[in-house]
Amino acid sequence: MLLYNKNSALRVHIPLFRTLAIIMVIAANPASAAQLVVKTDMEMGCFAELNGPITKGDAQAVKEAIDAYREVNALIEPAIEDPMFASKEDRLCLDSPGGSLTEGIALARVLTKNRVGAAVARGKSCLSACAVAFMGGRAFISEKISSKPDRILHPMANLGFHSPSLGIDAGRYDEQAVSKAYRIALRSVGVLLEHAPEIDYPISLVTTMLATPPDEMFLLTTIGQAARWRVTVAPIVEQSELTDETLKRLCFYAESGDLDYLVDGRQRRLSYTTVEITEGSKATLDANGNVLFGWDTLKGKVNTGFGDTWRAACNLFYYPILKPNTSRNYPSGMVTIGGVQTLVWPYHFLPHDMLISSVSYQR
């Protein structure tokens, strides 16, 4: 990506500067088992990728790489100034079979504290401890909204969870070794629970993880699961139009992520509500139909039936994509329920039981 500095004729080639800065950090951390690669992924918005088994020291290596990236990136004027709609290269791509749960938690906290998103690109897998790290992905949205979970899963990628294994060395199955391994596993779970609120790790996902044996894998497979745990499935082709039913669906998904429940298709709480959809602004087009500035917007409202009291209204600000059957890797709008604001993405229009692997995506 080549950007121009508005204040001079100088061209700044961003990947070159980022590469030089991050390579110096990686070279200083040769002991890391996982490999941190300078690999700009425009589709997923990543500035680097961490691949391989996660072991002690990886969280620190990622922290130093983030610092190096931010130091260089702060000198470069962003191409899009609105952080809500920008597709920025500020995520870390992950491709790992897992590893140390404790280090995975530490990595999740590094991402959260530094407001760096996490992504799993097409054809890649993030499993076990890697999935825990992935859940720490977070992004700055705006001064008003502060930050939100930013964890992007490509429809053709895998995200899997399971309970921690005891990690007993081969040949050491005596009572002392088993007891030690058991204590370590329990301590790791305790650390995860301690930091779950900080990294926005839903309790229902913790219980699902613990209910899955170490030799099995719970894979995220449906749109409803992704919405509940605030995992964004992207980029996908946006085809749905805003109707009364899709508006209700968007409200359900926003609430399910906030209150941690699984949308099951039933129209609960909505028998006494009214639905309103009104037109907002219109984009200005040129003679060929290309957008000069602005965007089409719609506003929607489901008047009651949401929030902890079931009395809150659900308000939607939505801007439909102007070219049909086009993928986008940025939000479709925003839902507000009882003061809680949630970004709406194209995948939120899809049925709760739809398989993620069957979603149409940009090829």
Protein backbone atom coordinates (compact mmCIF):
# COMPACT_ATOMS: atom_id res chain seq x y z
CA MET A 1 0.00 0.00 0.00
CA LEU A 2 1.46 3.32 -1.09
CA LEU A 3 0.31 6.47 0.69
CA TYR A 4 0.99 10.14 0.05
CA ASN A 5 1.83 12.66 2.71
CA LYS A 6 -0.51 15.61 2.16
CA ASN A 7 2.14 18.05 3.29
CA SER A 8 4.82 17.03 0.83
CA ALA A 9 5.43 15.17 -2.40
CA LEU A 10 7.23 12.41 -0.50
CA ARG A 11 5.89 8.90 -1.05
CA VAL A 12 5.99 6.65 2.01
CA HIS A 13 6.06 2.91 1.44
CA ILE A 14 4.60 1.62 4.70
CA PRO A 15 5.43 -2.13 4.54
CA LEU A 16 9.15 -1.39 4.07
CA PHE A 17 9.34 0.73 7.23
CA ARG A 18 7.24 -1.76 9.20
CA THR A 19 9.36 -4.65 7.98
CA LEU A 20 12.63 -3.06 9.02
CA ALA A 21 11.29 -2.11 12.45
CA ILE A 22 9.70 -5.44 13.29
CA ILE A 23 12.56 -7.56 11.91
CA MET A 24 14.87 -5.92 14.46
CA VAL A 25 12.50 -6.98 17.25
CA ILE A 26 12.21 -10.56 15.97
CA ALA A 27 15.98 -10.87 15.63
CA ALA A 28 16.30 -9.88 19.28
CA ASN A 29 13.96 -12.69 20.35
CA PRO A 30 15.35 -15.87 18.72
CA ALA A 31 14.21 -18.08 21.62
CA SER A 32 10.52 -17.71 20.74
CA ALA A 33 9.13 -21.07 19.62
CA ALA A 34 6.36 -19.48 17.59
CA GLN A 35 7.61 -17.57 14.55
CA LEU A 36 6.63 -13.92 14.23
CA VAL A 37 6.60 -13.08 10.54
CA VAL A 38 6.34 -9.65 8.96
CA LYS A 39 3.47 -10.48 6.64
CA THR A 40 1.02 -7.75 5.65
CA ASP A 41 -2.39 -9.30 5.00
CA MET A 42 -4.70 -6.76 3.40
CA GLU A 43 -7.69 -9.08 3.45
CA MET A 44 -7.52 -9.58 7.23
CA GLY A 45 -5.87 -6.26 8.11
CA CYS A 46 -2.74 -7.80 9.68
CA PHE A 47 0.71 -6.27 9.97
CA ALA A 48 2.33 -9.56 11.06
CA GLU A 49 1.56 -13.23 11.64
CA LEU A 50 2.43 -15.44 14.60
CA ASN A 51 2.66 -19.09 13.62
CA GLY A 52 3.78 -22.28 15.31
CA PRO A 53 3.44 -23.60 18.88
CA ILE A 54 2.97 -20.94 21.56
CA THR A 55 5.57 -21.09 24.33
CA LYS A 56 6.97 -18.86 27.04
CA GLY A 57 8.34 -15.61 25.70
CA ASP A 58 5.99 -15.26 22.74
CA ALA A 59 3.79 -12.67 24.45
CA GLN A 60 6.81 -10.47 25.17
CA ALA A 61 8.06 -10.86 21.59
CA VAL A 62 4.66 -9.78 20.26
CA LYS A 63 4.59 -6.81 22.66
CA GLU A 64 7.95 -5.60 21.40
CA ALA A 65 6.88 -6.07 17.78
CA ILE A 66 3.73 -4.03 18.44
CA ASP A 67 5.80 -1.25 20.00
CA ALA A 68 8.10 -1.22 16.97
CA TYR A 69 5.17 -1.17 14.58
CA ARG A 70 3.42 1.61 16.47
CA GLU A 71 6.58 3.72 16.66
CA VAL A 72 6.90 3.68 12.87
CA ASN A 73 3.19 3.84 12.14
CA ALA A 74 2.75 6.95 14.31
CA LEU A 75 4.94 8.82 11.81
CA ILE A 76 2.67 7.93 8.90
CA GLU A 77 -0.57 9.73 8.21
CA PRO A 78 -3.46 7.23 7.99
CA ALA A 79 -5.19 6.79 4.64
CA ILE A 80 -8.67 6.88 6.24
CA GLU A 81 -9.21 9.11 9.24
CA ASP A 82 -12.49 7.60 10.49
CA PRO A 83 -11.46 4.62 12.66
CA MET A 84 -14.94 3.07 12.57
CA PHE A 85 -14.96 2.53 8.83
CA ALA A 86 -11.26 2.13 8.11
CA SER A 87 -9.78 -1.22 7.16
CA LYS A 88 -6.50 -0.77 8.99
CA GLU A 89 -3.46 -2.99 9.20
CA ASP A 90 -3.43 -3.16 13.00
CA ARG A 91 -4.23 -6.82 13.64
CA LEU A 92 -2.03 -9.80 14.40
CA CYS A 93 -2.76 -12.86 12.29
CA LEU A 94 -2.53 -16.18 14.16
CA ASP A 95 -1.82 -19.66 12.82
CA SER A 96 -1.00 -22.10 15.61
CA PRO A 97 -1.92 -25.58 16.90
CA GLY A 98 -1.73 -24.24 20.46
CA GLY A 99 0.82 -24.64 23.21
CA SER A 100 1.14 -23.09 26.65
CA LEU A 101 -2.25 -21.96 28.01
CA THR A 102 -0.54 -19.57 30.42
CA GLU A 103 1.35 -17.94 27.54
CA GLY A 104 -1.83 -17.85 25.47
CA ILE A 105 -3.53 -15.89 28.25
CA ALA A 106 -0.52 -13.56 28.47
CA LEU A 107 -0.68 -13.00 24.72
CA ALA A 108 -4.42 -12.26 24.94
CA ARG A 109 -3.69 -9.62 27.59
CA VAL A 110 -0.96 -8.05 25.43
CA LEU A 111 -3.42 -7.69 22.53
CA THR A 112 -6.14 -6.28 24.80
CA LYS A 113 -3.91 -3.78 26.61
CA ASN A 114 -2.39 -2.53 23.36
CA ARG A 115 -5.72 -2.57 21.50
CA VAL A 116 -4.45 -4.81 18.73
CA GLY A 117 -6.93 -6.99 16.87
CA ALA A 118 -6.54 -10.71 16.15
CA ALA A 119 -7.34 -12.55 12.93
CA VAL A 120 -7.24 -16.04 11.48
CA ALA A 121 -6.79 -15.91 7.71
CA ARG A 122 -8.27 -18.20 5.11
CA GLY A 123 -6.88 -21.73 5.23
CA LYS A 124 -5.28 -21.14 8.64
CA SER A 125 -6.11 -22.58 12.08
CA CYS A 126 -5.93 -21.16 15.58
CA LEU A 127 -6.48 -23.88 18.17
CA SER A 128 -6.22 -24.50 21.90
CA ALA A 129 -3.98 -21.86 23.56
CA CYS A 130 -3.94 -19.92 20.29
CA ALA A 131 -7.74 -19.59 20.42
CA VAL A 132 -7.45 -18.17 23.93
CA ALA A 133 -4.90 -15.63 22.67
CA PHE A 134 -7.20 -14.79 19.74
CA MET A 135 -9.99 -13.82 22.12
CA GLY A 136 -7.83 -10.97 23.43
CA GLY A 137 -8.03 -9.13 20.09
CA ARG A 138 -9.28 -5.60 20.65
CA ALA A 139 -9.43 -2.36 18.68
CA PHE A 140 -9.80 1.32 19.35
CA ILE A 141 -13.04 2.50 17.70
CA SER A 142 -13.51 6.15 18.66
CA GLU A 143 -13.28 8.43 21.64
CA LYS A 144 -17.01 7.98 22.26
CA ILE A 145 -17.06 4.18 21.99
CA SER A 146 -13.51 3.61 23.29
CA SER A 147 -12.61 0.05 22.27
CA LYS A 148 -14.38 -3.16 21.33
CA PRO A 149 -13.41 -6.80 20.73
CA ASP A 150 -11.71 -7.13 17.35
CA ARG A 151 -11.38 -10.83 16.51
CA ILE A 152 -11.77 -11.65 12.83
CA LEU A 153 -12.26 -15.19 11.56
CA HIS A 154 -12.19 -15.93 7.85
CA PRO A 155 -15.06 -18.24 6.80
CA MET A 156 -12.51 -20.78 5.57
CA ALA A 157 -10.41 -20.73 8.76
CA ASN A 158 -10.63 -22.81 11.95
CA LEU A 159 -10.95 -21.62 15.55
CA GLY A 160 -10.98 -24.38 18.18
CA PHE A 161 -11.07 -24.71 21.97
CA HIS A 162 -10.56 -27.52 24.48
CA SER A 163 -9.73 -27.96 28.14
CA PRO A 164 -6.07 -27.89 29.20
CA SER A 165 -4.18 -31.14 29.19
CA LEU A 166 -2.21 -32.29 32.22
CA GLY A 167 1.06 -32.13 30.33
CA ILE A 168 2.76 -35.10 31.98
CA ASP A 169 6.14 -36.07 30.58
CA ALA A 170 6.24 -39.47 28.89
CA GLY A 171 7.12 -42.20 31.35
CA ARG A 172 6.30 -40.09 34.42
CA TYR A 173 2.89 -41.19 35.60
CA ASP A 174 3.54 -41.42 39.33
CA GLU A 175 1.21 -39.76 41.82
CA GLN A 176 3.51 -36.80 42.37
CA ALA A 177 3.82 -36.01 38.64
CA VAL A 178 0.07 -36.31 38.05
CA SER A 179 -0.72 -34.13 41.08
CA LYS A 180 1.72 -31.44 39.94
CA ALA A 181 0.31 -31.42 36.41
CA TYR A 182 -3.23 -31.22 37.78
CA ARG A 183 -2.34 -28.20 39.95
CA ILE A 184 -0.76 -26.44 36.98
CA ALA A 185 -3.86 -27.05 34.84
CA LEU A 186 -6.16 -25.73 37.55
CA ARG A 187 -3.96 -22.70 38.08
CA SER A 188 -4.11 -21.94 34.34
CA VAL A 189 -7.91 -22.09 34.40
CA GLY A 190 -7.92 -19.82 37.45
CA VAL A 191 -5.74 -17.29 35.62
CA LEU A 192 -8.10 -17.38 32.63
CA LEU A 193 -11.13 -16.77 34.86
CA GLU A 194 -9.31 -13.96 36.65
CA HIS A 195 -8.61 -12.13 33.41
CA ALA A 196 -11.80 -13.11 31.53
CA PRO A 197 -13.47 -9.70 32.12
CA GLU A 198 -10.35 -7.84 31.03
CA ILE A 199 -10.05 -9.67 27.69
CA ASP A 200 -13.81 -9.92 27.18
CA TYR A 201 -13.76 -13.73 27.34
CA PRO A 202 -17.38 -14.92 27.77
CA ILE A 203 -18.03 -17.25 30.71
CA SER A 204 -20.11 -19.53 28.48
CA LEU A 205 -17.03 -20.00 26.29
CA VAL A 206 -14.98 -20.89 29.37
CA THR A 207 -17.51 -23.58 30.31
CA THR A 208 -17.63 -24.86 26.72
CA MET A 209 -13.86 -25.02 26.67
CA LEU A 210 -13.68 -26.89 29.98
CA ALA A 211 -16.37 -29.34 28.87
CA THR A 212 -14.29 -30.33 25.84
CA PRO A 213 -11.71 -33.06 26.65
CA PRO A 214 -8.06 -32.24 25.93
CA ASP A 215 -7.92 -34.83 23.14
CA GLU A 216 -10.96 -33.32 21.37
CA MET A 217 -11.63 -29.92 19.82
CA PHE A 218 -14.67 -27.65 19.93
CA LEU A 219 -14.65 -25.76 16.63
CA LEU A 220 -16.61 -22.58 16.13
CA THR A 221 -19.01 -23.61 13.37
CA THR A 222 -22.18 -21.47 13.32
CA ILE A 223 -23.09 -17.82 12.89
CA GLY A 224 -24.99 -17.87 16.20
CA GLN A 225 -21.90 -19.04 18.10
CA ALA A 226 -19.77 -16.33 16.48
CA ALA A 227 -22.29 -13.61 17.37
CA ARG A 228 -22.59 -14.81 20.97
CA TRP A 229 -18.84 -14.76 21.51
CA ARG A 230 -18.23 -11.61 19.42
CA VAL A 231 -16.10 -13.31 16.83
CA THR A 232 -16.48 -11.46 13.53
CA VAL A 233 -16.77 -13.66 10.44
CA ALA A 234 -15.23 -11.61 7.62
CA PRO A 235 -14.80 -10.73 4.86
CA ILE A 236 -18.08 -12.01 3.44
CA VAL A 237 -20.38 -11.01 0.61
CA GLU A 238 -23.17 -8.81 1.88
CA GLN A 239 -26.42 -9.73 0.16
CA SER A 240 -29.17 -9.12 2.71
CA GLU A 241 -31.43 -6.09 2.74
CA LEU A 242 -32.77 -4.53 5.90
CA THR A 243 -36.27 -5.82 6.70
CA ASP A 244 -38.27 -6.10 9.89
CA GLU A 245 -36.99 -9.64 10.39
CA THR A 246 -33.34 -8.86 9.70
CA LEU A 247 -33.56 -5.84 12.01
CA LYS A 248 -34.80 -8.08 14.81
CA ARG A 249 -31.97 -10.50 14.03
CA LEU A 250 -29.36 -7.76 14.28
CA CYS A 251 -30.82 -6.72 17.64
CA PHE A 252 -30.78 -10.30 18.92
CA TYR A 253 -27.15 -10.79 17.90
CA ALA A 254 -26.06 -7.53 19.53
CA GLU A 255 -27.84 -8.48 22.74
CA SER A 256 -26.56 -12.06 22.71
CA GLY A 257 -22.98 -10.78 22.62
CA ASP A 258 -23.68 -8.42 25.50
CA LEU A 259 -25.71 -10.76 27.73
CA ASP A 260 -23.99 -14.00 26.61
CA TYR A 261 -26.85 -16.11 25.35
CA LEU A 262 -27.25 -18.16 22.18
CA VAL A 263 -29.78 -16.94 19.64
CA ASP A 264 -31.91 -19.96 18.76
CA GLY A 265 -34.31 -18.50 16.23
CA ARG A 266 -37.27 -18.04 18.55
CA GLN A 267 -38.87 -14.61 18.59
CA ARG A 268 -38.61 -14.26 22.35
CA ARG A 269 -39.72 -11.02 24.02
CA LEU A 270 -40.88 -9.46 20.76
CA SER A 271 -44.64 -10.13 20.71
CA TYR A 272 -45.40 -6.69 22.11
CA THR A 273 -42.89 -4.59 20.17
CA THR A 274 -43.14 -2.42 17.08
CA VAL A 275 -40.54 -2.16 14.35
CA GLU A 276 -39.60 1.00 12.45
CA ILE A 277 -37.25 1.43 9.50
CA THR A 278 -36.65 4.95 8.15
CA GLU A 279 -34.40 6.34 5.46
CA GLY A 280 -31.51 8.57 6.42
CA SER A 281 -28.94 10.29 4.21
CA LYS A 282 -28.16 9.54 0.57
CA ALA A 283 -24.71 9.33 -0.99
CA THR A 284 -23.78 11.82 -3.70
CA LEU A 285 -23.01 10.04 -6.98
CA ASP A 286 -21.35 11.15 -10.20
CA ALA A 287 -22.82 10.65 -13.68
CA ASN A 288 -21.46 7.08 -13.77
CA GLY A 289 -22.99 6.09 -10.47
CA ASN A 290 -19.73 6.23 -8.50
CA VAL A 291 -19.81 7.65 -4.97
CA LEU A 292 -18.41 11.15 -4.68
CA PHE A 293 -18.95 11.45 -0.93
CA GLY A 294 -21.27 10.33 1.86
CA TRP A 295 -23.24 7.11 2.01
CA ASP A 296 -26.76 5.79 1.98
CA THR A 297 -28.07 5.25 5.49
CA LEU A 298 -31.09 3.65 7.11
CA LYS A 299 -32.27 3.84 10.70
CA GLY A 300 -34.16 1.06 12.43
CA LYS A 301 -35.79 0.66 15.82
CA VAL A 302 -37.40 -2.18 17.74
CA ASN A 303 -39.18 -0.25 20.46
CA THR A 304 -39.05 -2.65 23.44
CA GLY A 305 -37.99 -6.13 24.42
CA PHE A 306 -34.24 -5.90 24.98
CA GLY A 307 -31.67 -5.42 27.71
CA ASP A 308 -31.59 -6.73 31.26
CA THR A 309 -35.09 -5.37 31.94
CA TRP A 310 -36.54 -6.46 28.56
CA ARG A 311 -37.84 -2.90 28.23
CA ALA A 312 -34.96 -1.28 26.35
CA ALA A 313 -35.31 -0.32 22.70
CA CYS A 314 -32.90 -1.48 20.03
CA ASN A 315 -31.72 1.29 17.72
CA LEU A 316 -29.83 0.66 14.49
CA PHE A 317 -27.76 2.96 12.30
CA TYR A 318 -27.08 1.10 9.05
CA TYR A 319 -25.39 2.04 5.80
CA PRO A 320 -26.02 -0.52 3.05
CA ILE A 321 -23.28 -1.34 0.60
CA LEU A 322 -23.87 0.35 -2.74
CA LYS A 323 -22.66 -2.46 -5.00
CA PRO A 324 -24.65 -5.72 -4.59
CA ASN A 325 -22.83 -9.01 -3.94
CA THR A 326 -19.69 -7.24 -2.79
CA SER A 327 -17.53 -8.22 0.15
CA ARG A 328 -16.59 -5.79 2.86
CA ASN A 329 -14.26 -6.21 5.80
CA TYR A 330 -15.57 -3.27 7.79
CA PRO A 331 -18.77 -2.76 9.83
CA SER A 332 -22.25 -2.34 8.33
CA GLY A 333 -23.37 0.02 11.08
CA MET A 334 -24.09 0.09 14.79
CA VAL A 335 -26.76 -1.15 17.20
CA THR A 336 -27.47 0.57 20.54
CA ILE A 337 -29.39 -1.20 23.30
CA GLY A 338 -29.73 0.50 26.67
CA GLY A 339 -26.63 2.60 26.08
CA VAL A 340 -24.52 -0.40 24.98
CA GLN A 341 -23.18 0.10 21.47
CA THR A 342 -22.28 -2.85 19.26
CA LEU A 343 -20.84 -2.77 15.76
CA VAL A 344 -22.92 -4.57 13.13
CA TRP A 345 -21.09 -6.65 10.52
CA PRO A 346 -22.41 -8.30 7.33
CA TYR A 347 -22.41 -11.75 8.95
CA HIS A 348 -25.00 -10.54 11.47
CA PHE A 349 -27.62 -10.64 8.71
CA LEU A 350 -27.25 -14.42 8.40
CA PRO A 351 -29.33 -17.11 10.19
CA HIS A 352 -28.08 -18.30 13.59
CA ASP A 353 -27.72 -21.93 12.50
CA MET A 354 -25.91 -21.22 9.24
CA LEU A 355 -22.51 -22.91 9.01
CA ILE A 356 -19.63 -20.47 8.88
CA SER A 357 -17.92 -22.64 6.27
CA SER A 358 -20.87 -22.15 3.90
CA VAL A 359 -20.75 -18.35 3.94
CA SER A 360 -19.95 -16.64 0.62
CA TYR A 361 -16.69 -14.72 0.81
CA GLN A 362 -14.42 -12.65 -1.37
CA ARG A 363 -12.28 -14.88 -3.54
